[in-house]
Protein backbone atom coordinates (compact mmCIF):
# COMPACT_ATOMS: atom_id res chain seq x y z
CA UNK A 1 0.00 0.00 0.00
CA UNK A 2 1.31 3.47 -0.80
CA UNK A 3 0.35 6.92 -1.99
CA UNK A 4 -0.84 10.07 -0.28
CA UNK A 5 -3.68 10.51 2.18
CA UNK A 6 -5.96 11.19 -0.80
CA UNK A 7 -5.24 7.85 -2.42
CA UNK A 8 -4.16 4.37 -1.44
CA UNK A 9 -2.61 1.87 -3.84
CA UNK A 10 -3.22 -1.87 -3.52
CA UNK A 11 -1.22 -4.37 -5.57
CA UNK A 12 -2.88 -7.49 -6.90
CA UNK A 13 -2.44 -10.72 -5.02
CA UNK A 14 -0.74 -13.32 -7.24
CA UNK A 15 -1.68 -17.00 -6.92
CA UNK A 16 1.42 -19.26 -6.92
CA UNK A 17 0.29 -21.27 -9.95
CA UNK A 18 -0.46 -18.16 -12.00
CA UNK A 19 2.85 -16.62 -10.92
CA UNK A 20 4.58 -19.78 -12.13
CA UNK A 21 2.87 -19.49 -15.53
CA UNK A 22 3.70 -15.78 -15.76
CA UNK A 23 7.38 -16.45 -15.02
CA UNK A 24 7.59 -19.54 -17.26
CA UNK A 25 6.32 -17.77 -20.39
CA UNK A 26 9.15 -15.24 -20.83
CA UNK A 27 11.74 -17.77 -19.60
CA UNK A 28 10.50 -20.20 -22.25
CA UNK A 29 10.79 -17.45 -24.83
CA UNK A 30 14.35 -16.67 -23.74
CA UNK A 31 15.36 -20.33 -23.86
CA UNK A 32 13.86 -20.65 -27.33
CA UNK A 33 15.67 -17.52 -28.48
CA UNK A 34 18.96 -18.78 -27.00
CA UNK A 35 18.62 -22.13 -28.75
CA UNK A 36 17.78 -20.38 -32.01
CA UNK A 37 20.80 -18.10 -31.70
CA UNK A 38 23.02 -21.12 -31.13
CA UNK A 39 21.63 -22.83 -34.24
CA UNK A 40 22.29 -19.76 -36.36
CA UNK A 41 19.07 -20.31 -38.33
CA UNK A 42 17.75 -16.82 -39.08
CA UNK A 43 14.15 -17.99 -39.49
CA UNK A 44 14.19 -19.72 -36.09
CA UNK A 45 15.79 -16.64 -34.53
CA UNK A 46 13.12 -14.38 -36.02
CA UNK A 47 10.28 -16.65 -34.86
CA UNK A 48 11.72 -16.99 -31.32
CA UNK A 49 12.36 -13.24 -31.05
CA UNK A 50 8.86 -12.50 -32.34
CA UNK A 51 7.33 -14.91 -29.83
CA UNK A 52 9.27 -13.38 -26.94
CA UNK A 53 8.32 -9.85 -28.02
CA UNK A 54 4.67 -10.91 -28.25
CA UNK A 55 4.71 -12.29 -24.68
CA UNK A 56 6.41 -9.14 -23.38
CA UNK A 57 3.90 -6.93 -25.23
CA UNK A 58 0.98 -8.82 -23.66
CA UNK A 59 2.55 -8.48 -20.21
CA UNK A 60 3.21 -4.76 -20.67
CA UNK A 61 -0.16 -4.11 -22.26
CA UNK A 62 -2.45 -6.12 -20.00
CA UNK A 63 -0.67 -7.51 -16.94
CA UNK A 64 2.06 -5.34 -15.35
CA UNK A 65 1.44 -3.35 -13.31
CA UNK A 66 -1.81 -4.67 -11.87
CA UNK A 67 -3.07 -2.51 -9.04
CA UNK A 68 -6.12 -0.85 -7.58
CA UNK A 69 -6.05 2.73 -6.33
CA UNK A 70 -8.65 4.12 -3.93
CA UNK A 71 -8.82 7.75 -5.05
CA UNK A 72 -10.98 10.56 -3.67
CA UNK A 73 -14.09 9.81 -5.75
CA UNK A 74 -13.43 6.50 -7.53
CA UNK A 75 -11.46 3.27 -7.63
CA UNK A 76 -8.91 3.20 -10.43
CA UNK A 77 -8.20 -0.29 -11.73
CA UNK A 78 -4.94 -0.53 -13.65
CA UNK A 79 -3.74 -3.55 -15.56
CA UNK A 80 -0.86 -2.92 -17.93
CA UNK A 81 -1.67 0.11 -20.05
CA UNK A 82 -5.41 -0.14 -19.36
CA UNK A 83 -7.07 2.01 -16.72
CA UNK A 84 -10.71 1.91 -15.73
CA UNK A 85 -12.63 3.82 -13.08
CA UNK A 86 -15.46 2.76 -10.80
CA UNK A 87 -17.08 5.80 -9.14
CA UNK A 88 -17.93 5.19 -5.49
CA UNK A 89 -21.47 6.51 -5.95
CA UNK A 90 -22.14 3.69 -8.47
CA UNK A 91 -21.00 0.91 -6.11
CA UNK A 92 -23.86 -1.12 -4.64
CA UNK A 93 -21.62 -3.51 -2.74
CA UNK A 94 -18.37 -5.47 -2.69
CA UNK A 95 -18.31 -9.18 -1.86
CA UNK A 96 -15.80 -12.05 -1.95
CA UNK A 97 -15.82 -14.31 -4.98
CA UNK A 98 -13.71 -17.01 -6.58
CA UNK A 99 -15.28 -16.55 -10.01
CA UNK A 100 -12.62 -17.45 -12.61
CA UNK A 101 -14.09 -15.21 -15.31
CA UNK A 102 -11.47 -12.98 -16.92
CA UNK A 103 -10.81 -9.99 -14.69
CA UNK A 104 -8.05 -7.56 -13.81
CA UNK A 105 -6.94 -9.96 -11.07
CA UNK A 106 -3.96 -12.30 -10.68
CA UNK A 107 -5.62 -14.45 -8.02
CA UNK A 108 -8.87 -16.35 -7.63
CA UNK A 109 -9.15 -14.82 -4.13
CA UNK A 110 -11.20 -11.90 -5.44
CA UNK A 111 -13.63 -9.19 -4.55
CA UNK A 112 -16.58 -8.53 -6.85
CA UNK A 113 -17.44 -4.85 -7.15
CA UNK A 114 -21.15 -4.59 -7.89
CA UNK A 115 -21.52 -1.28 -9.67
CA UNK A 116 -24.87 -0.98 -11.40
CA UNK A 117 -24.76 -4.41 -13.01
CA UNK A 118 -23.88 -7.94 -12.01
CA UNK A 119 -20.96 -7.82 -14.44
CA UNK A 120 -18.91 -5.37 -12.36
CA UNK A 121 -15.17 -6.00 -12.11
CA UNK A 122 -13.50 -8.61 -9.95
CA UNK A 123 -10.28 -7.45 -8.28
CA UNK A 124 -7.73 -9.28 -6.15
CA UNK A 125 -6.00 -6.86 -3.78
CA UNK A 126 -3.28 -8.53 -1.71
CA UNK A 127 -4.56 -6.51 1.27
CA UNK A 128 -8.29 -7.20 1.02
CA UNK A 129 -9.04 -5.81 4.48
CA UNK A 130 -7.17 -2.59 3.75
CA UNK A 131 -8.90 -2.26 0.38
CA UNK A 132 -12.36 -2.68 1.92
CA UNK A 133 -11.51 -0.14 4.65
CA UNK A 134 -10.20 2.36 2.09
CA UNK A 135 -13.37 2.08 -0.01
CA UNK A 136 -15.65 2.26 3.05
CA UNK A 137 -13.86 5.44 4.18
CA UNK A 138 -14.53 7.08 0.82
CA UNK A 139 -18.05 5.75 0.16
CA UNK A 140 -20.31 6.76 3.07
CA UNK A 141 -23.26 4.84 1.60
CA UNK A 142 -21.33 1.57 2.14
CA UNK A 143 -20.62 -0.15 5.44
CA UNK A 144 -18.58 -3.17 6.48
CA UNK A 145 -20.48 -6.37 7.05
CA UNK A 146 -17.85 -8.99 7.78
CA UNK A 147 -15.78 -9.63 4.66
CA UNK A 148 -17.89 -7.40 2.42
CA UNK A 149 -19.26 -3.91 1.93
CA UNK A 150 -23.02 -3.44 1.68
CA UNK A 151 -25.24 -0.45 1.05
CA UNK A 152 -25.98 1.28 4.35
CA UNK A 153 -29.62 1.01 5.31
CA UNK A 154 -30.70 3.78 7.68
CA UNK A 155 -32.38 2.55 10.85
CA UNK A 156 -35.86 3.93 11.41
C-alpha atoms as a PDB file:
ATOM      1  CA  UNK A   1       0.000   0.000   0.000  1.00  0.00           C
ATOM      2  CA  UNK A   2       1.306   3.465  -0.803  1.00  0.00           C
ATOM      3  CA  UNK A   3       0.346   6.917  -1.993  1.00  0.00           C
ATOM      4  CA  UNK A   4      -0.837  10.073  -0.277  1.00  0.00           C
ATOM      5  CA  UNK A   5      -3.680  10.510   2.178  1.00  0.00           C
ATOM      6  CA  UNK A   6      -5.962  11.188  -0.799  1.00  0.00           C
ATOM      7  CA  UNK A   7      -5.240   7.850  -2.422  1.00  0.00           C
ATOM      8  CA  UNK A   8      -4.163   4.366  -1.437  1.00  0.00           C
ATOM      9  CA  UNK A   9      -2.612   1.874  -3.840  1.00  0.00           C
ATOM     10  CA  UNK A  10      -3.219  -1.868  -3.517  1.00  0.00           C
ATOM     11  CA  UNK A  11      -1.218  -4.374  -5.571  1.00  0.00           C
ATOM     12  CA  UNK A  12      -2.882  -7.487  -6.904  1.00  0.00           C
ATOM     13  CA  UNK A  13      -2.441 -10.718  -5.018  1.00  0.00           C
ATOM     14  CA  UNK A  14      -0.743 -13.324  -7.240  1.00  0.00           C
ATOM     15  CA  UNK A  15      -1.677 -17.005  -6.919  1.00  0.00           C
ATOM     16  CA  UNK A  16       1.422 -19.257  -6.925  1.00  0.00           C
ATOM     17  CA  UNK A  17       0.286 -21.273  -9.949  1.00  0.00           C
ATOM     18  CA  UNK A  18      -0.457 -18.156 -12.002  1.00  0.00           C
ATOM     19  CA  UNK A  19       2.851 -16.622 -10.925  1.00  0.00           C
ATOM     20  CA  UNK A  20       4.582 -19.783 -12.127  1.00  0.00           C
ATOM     21  CA  UNK A  21       2.870 -19.491 -15.534  1.00  0.00           C
ATOM     22  CA  UNK A  22       3.699 -15.784 -15.757  1.00  0.00           C
ATOM     23  CA  UNK A  23       7.377 -16.455 -15.016  1.00  0.00           C
ATOM     24  CA  UNK A  24       7.590 -19.542 -17.265  1.00  0.00           C
ATOM     25  CA  UNK A  25       6.318 -17.771 -20.391  1.00  0.00           C
ATOM     26  CA  UNK A  26       9.147 -15.244 -20.828  1.00  0.00           C
ATOM     27  CA  UNK A  27      11.743 -17.771 -19.602  1.00  0.00           C
ATOM     28  CA  UNK A  28      10.502 -20.202 -22.250  1.00  0.00           C
ATOM     29  CA  UNK A  29      10.788 -17.449 -24.829  1.00  0.00           C
ATOM     30  CA  UNK A  30      14.355 -16.665 -23.741  1.00  0.00           C
ATOM     31  CA  UNK A  31      15.360 -20.335 -23.856  1.00  0.00           C
ATOM     32  CA  UNK A  32      13.862 -20.650 -27.333  1.00  0.00           C
ATOM     33  CA  UNK A  33      15.674 -17.520 -28.483  1.00  0.00           C
ATOM     34  CA  UNK A  34      18.958 -18.785 -26.995  1.00  0.00           C
ATOM     35  CA  UNK A  35      18.621 -22.134 -28.747  1.00  0.00           C
ATOM     36  CA  UNK A  36      17.777 -20.379 -32.014  1.00  0.00           C
ATOM     37  CA  UNK A  37      20.800 -18.101 -31.701  1.00  0.00           C
ATOM     38  CA  UNK A  38      23.019 -21.119 -31.126  1.00  0.00           C
ATOM     39  CA  UNK A  39      21.631 -22.835 -34.235  1.00  0.00           C
ATOM     40  CA  UNK A  40      22.293 -19.761 -36.365  1.00  0.00           C
ATOM     41  CA  UNK A  41      19.068 -20.313 -38.330  1.00  0.00           C
ATOM     42  CA  UNK A  42      17.754 -16.820 -39.078  1.00  0.00           C
ATOM     43  CA  UNK A  43      14.150 -17.989 -39.491  1.00  0.00           C
ATOM     44  CA  UNK A  44      14.193 -19.723 -36.093  1.00  0.00           C
ATOM     45  CA  UNK A  45      15.790 -16.639 -34.531  1.00  0.00           C
ATOM     46  CA  UNK A  46      13.116 -14.378 -36.020  1.00  0.00           C
ATOM     47  CA  UNK A  47      10.282 -16.649 -34.856  1.00  0.00           C
ATOM     48  CA  UNK A  48      11.723 -16.990 -31.324  1.00  0.00           C
ATOM     49  CA  UNK A  49      12.363 -13.235 -31.047  1.00  0.00           C
ATOM     50  CA  UNK A  50       8.860 -12.498 -32.341  1.00  0.00           C
ATOM     51  CA  UNK A  51       7.328 -14.907 -29.828  1.00  0.00           C
ATOM     52  CA  UNK A  52       9.274 -13.378 -26.943  1.00  0.00           C
ATOM     53  CA  UNK A  53       8.323  -9.846 -28.016  1.00  0.00           C
ATOM     54  CA  UNK A  54       4.674 -10.911 -28.254  1.00  0.00           C
ATOM     55  CA  UNK A  55       4.712 -12.291 -24.684  1.00  0.00           C
ATOM     56  CA  UNK A  56       6.408  -9.139 -23.381  1.00  0.00           C
ATOM     57  CA  UNK A  57       3.902  -6.928 -25.225  1.00  0.00           C
ATOM     58  CA  UNK A  58       0.981  -8.822 -23.664  1.00  0.00           C
ATOM     59  CA  UNK A  59       2.552  -8.476 -20.214  1.00  0.00           C
ATOM     60  CA  UNK A  60       3.210  -4.757 -20.669  1.00  0.00           C
ATOM     61  CA  UNK A  61      -0.161  -4.114 -22.264  1.00  0.00           C
ATOM     62  CA  UNK A  62      -2.452  -6.123 -20.002  1.00  0.00           C
ATOM     63  CA  UNK A  63      -0.665  -7.508 -16.938  1.00  0.00           C
ATOM     64  CA  UNK A  64       2.056  -5.342 -15.354  1.00  0.00           C
ATOM     65  CA  UNK A  65       1.445  -3.347 -13.311  1.00  0.00           C
ATOM     66  CA  UNK A  66      -1.814  -4.667 -11.874  1.00  0.00           C
ATOM     67  CA  UNK A  67      -3.073  -2.508  -9.040  1.00  0.00           C
ATOM     68  CA  UNK A  68      -6.122  -0.851  -7.582  1.00  0.00           C
ATOM     69  CA  UNK A  69      -6.049   2.734  -6.330  1.00  0.00           C
ATOM     70  CA  UNK A  70      -8.649   4.115  -3.933  1.00  0.00           C
ATOM     71  CA  UNK A  71      -8.819   7.748  -5.049  1.00  0.00           C
ATOM     72  CA  UNK A  72     -10.977  10.560  -3.667  1.00  0.00           C
ATOM     73  CA  UNK A  73     -14.088   9.813  -5.754  1.00  0.00           C
ATOM     74  CA  UNK A  74     -13.428   6.495  -7.529  1.00  0.00           C
ATOM     75  CA  UNK A  75     -11.457   3.275  -7.629  1.00  0.00           C
ATOM     76  CA  UNK A  76      -8.910   3.203 -10.431  1.00  0.00           C
ATOM     77  CA  UNK A  77      -8.200  -0.288 -11.730  1.00  0.00           C
ATOM     78  CA  UNK A  78      -4.939  -0.531 -13.654  1.00  0.00           C
ATOM     79  CA  UNK A  79      -3.738  -3.551 -15.560  1.00  0.00           C
ATOM     80  CA  UNK A  80      -0.860  -2.923 -17.928  1.00  0.00           C
ATOM     81  CA  UNK A  81      -1.668   0.106 -20.052  1.00  0.00           C
ATOM     82  CA  UNK A  82      -5.409  -0.139 -19.357  1.00  0.00           C
ATOM     83  CA  UNK A  83      -7.070   2.008 -16.720  1.00  0.00           C
ATOM     84  CA  UNK A  84     -10.711   1.911 -15.725  1.00  0.00           C
ATOM     85  CA  UNK A  85     -12.633   3.816 -13.082  1.00  0.00           C
ATOM     86  CA  UNK A  86     -15.457   2.759 -10.799  1.00  0.00           C
ATOM     87  CA  UNK A  87     -17.082   5.804  -9.141  1.00  0.00           C
ATOM     88  CA  UNK A  88     -17.931   5.190  -5.486  1.00  0.00           C
ATOM     89  CA  UNK A  89     -21.470   6.509  -5.945  1.00  0.00           C
ATOM     90  CA  UNK A  90     -22.139   3.686  -8.473  1.00  0.00           C
ATOM     91  CA  UNK A  91     -20.997   0.908  -6.109  1.00  0.00           C
ATOM     92  CA  UNK A  92     -23.862  -1.119  -4.639  1.00  0.00           C
ATOM     93  CA  UNK A  93     -21.618  -3.507  -2.741  1.00  0.00           C
ATOM     94  CA  UNK A  94     -18.369  -5.475  -2.694  1.00  0.00           C
ATOM     95  CA  UNK A  95     -18.307  -9.175  -1.858  1.00  0.00           C
ATOM     96  CA  UNK A  96     -15.799 -12.048  -1.949  1.00  0.00           C
ATOM     97  CA  UNK A  97     -15.823 -14.314  -4.984  1.00  0.00           C
ATOM     98  CA  UNK A  98     -13.712 -17.011  -6.580  1.00  0.00           C
ATOM     99  CA  UNK A  99     -15.278 -16.555 -10.007  1.00  0.00           C
ATOM    100  CA  UNK A 100     -12.617 -17.454 -12.608  1.00  0.00           C
ATOM    101  CA  UNK A 101     -14.088 -15.213 -15.313  1.00  0.00           C
ATOM    102  CA  UNK A 102     -11.473 -12.982 -16.923  1.00  0.00           C
ATOM    103  CA  UNK A 103     -10.808  -9.993 -14.687  1.00  0.00           C
ATOM    104  CA  UNK A 104      -8.046  -7.557 -13.812  1.00  0.00           C
ATOM    105  CA  UNK A 105      -6.938  -9.963 -11.073  1.00  0.00           C
ATOM    106  CA  UNK A 106      -3.956 -12.297 -10.675  1.00  0.00           C
ATOM    107  CA  UNK A 107      -5.618 -14.449  -8.025  1.00  0.00           C
ATOM    108  CA  UNK A 108      -8.875 -16.349  -7.631  1.00  0.00           C
ATOM    109  CA  UNK A 109      -9.148 -14.818  -4.133  1.00  0.00           C
ATOM    110  CA  UNK A 110     -11.198 -11.901  -5.439  1.00  0.00           C
ATOM    111  CA  UNK A 111     -13.631  -9.186  -4.548  1.00  0.00           C
ATOM    112  CA  UNK A 112     -16.580  -8.534  -6.847  1.00  0.00           C
ATOM    113  CA  UNK A 113     -17.442  -4.849  -7.152  1.00  0.00           C
ATOM    114  CA  UNK A 114     -21.149  -4.594  -7.892  1.00  0.00           C
ATOM    115  CA  UNK A 115     -21.523  -1.282  -9.668  1.00  0.00           C
ATOM    116  CA  UNK A 116     -24.867  -0.975 -11.399  1.00  0.00           C
ATOM    117  CA  UNK A 117     -24.758  -4.410 -13.005  1.00  0.00           C
ATOM    118  CA  UNK A 118     -23.883  -7.937 -12.008  1.00  0.00           C
ATOM    119  CA  UNK A 119     -20.962  -7.816 -14.443  1.00  0.00           C
ATOM    120  CA  UNK A 120     -18.906  -5.372 -12.360  1.00  0.00           C
ATOM    121  CA  UNK A 121     -15.166  -6.004 -12.115  1.00  0.00           C
ATOM    122  CA  UNK A 122     -13.502  -8.614  -9.946  1.00  0.00           C
ATOM    123  CA  UNK A 123     -10.283  -7.450  -8.282  1.00  0.00           C
ATOM    124  CA  UNK A 124      -7.728  -9.284  -6.152  1.00  0.00           C
ATOM    125  CA  UNK A 125      -6.002  -6.856  -3.781  1.00  0.00           C
ATOM    126  CA  UNK A 126      -3.285  -8.526  -1.712  1.00  0.00           C
ATOM    127  CA  UNK A 127      -4.556  -6.507   1.271  1.00  0.00           C
ATOM    128  CA  UNK A 128      -8.294  -7.199   1.016  1.00  0.00           C
ATOM    129  CA  UNK A 129      -9.037  -5.809   4.480  1.00  0.00           C
ATOM    130  CA  UNK A 130      -7.173  -2.586   3.748  1.00  0.00           C
ATOM    131  CA  UNK A 131      -8.902  -2.256   0.383  1.00  0.00           C
ATOM    132  CA  UNK A 132     -12.361  -2.677   1.917  1.00  0.00           C
ATOM    133  CA  UNK A 133     -11.515  -0.144   4.646  1.00  0.00           C
ATOM    134  CA  UNK A 134     -10.205   2.359   2.092  1.00  0.00           C
ATOM    135  CA  UNK A 135     -13.367   2.077  -0.012  1.00  0.00           C
ATOM    136  CA  UNK A 136     -15.649   2.262   3.045  1.00  0.00           C
ATOM    137  CA  UNK A 137     -13.855   5.438   4.184  1.00  0.00           C
ATOM    138  CA  UNK A 138     -14.535   7.082   0.818  1.00  0.00           C
ATOM    139  CA  UNK A 139     -18.051   5.751   0.163  1.00  0.00           C
ATOM    140  CA  UNK A 140     -20.306   6.759   3.069  1.00  0.00           C
ATOM    141  CA  UNK A 141     -23.264   4.835   1.601  1.00  0.00           C
ATOM    142  CA  UNK A 142     -21.335   1.568   2.137  1.00  0.00           C
ATOM    143  CA  UNK A 143     -20.615  -0.153   5.437  1.00  0.00           C
ATOM    144  CA  UNK A 144     -18.578  -3.173   6.479  1.00  0.00           C
ATOM    145  CA  UNK A 145     -20.481  -6.366   7.054  1.00  0.00           C
ATOM    146  CA  UNK A 146     -17.846  -8.992   7.785  1.00  0.00           C
ATOM    147  CA  UNK A 147     -15.777  -9.628   4.656  1.00  0.00           C
ATOM    148  CA  UNK A 148     -17.893  -7.401   2.423  1.00  0.00           C
ATOM    149  CA  UNK A 149     -19.263  -3.910   1.927  1.00  0.00           C
ATOM    150  CA  UNK A 150     -23.016  -3.440   1.682  1.00  0.00           C
ATOM    151  CA  UNK A 151     -25.240  -0.451   1.053  1.00  0.00           C
ATOM    152  CA  UNK A 152     -25.976   1.285   4.347  1.00  0.00           C
ATOM    153  CA  UNK A 153     -29.621   1.014   5.306  1.00  0.00           C
ATOM    154  CA  UNK A 154     -30.700   3.782   7.682  1.00  0.00           C
ATOM    155  CA  UNK A 155     -32.382   2.548  10.850  1.00  0.00           C
ATOM    156  CA  UNK A 156     -35.857   3.934  11.410  1.00  0.00           C
END
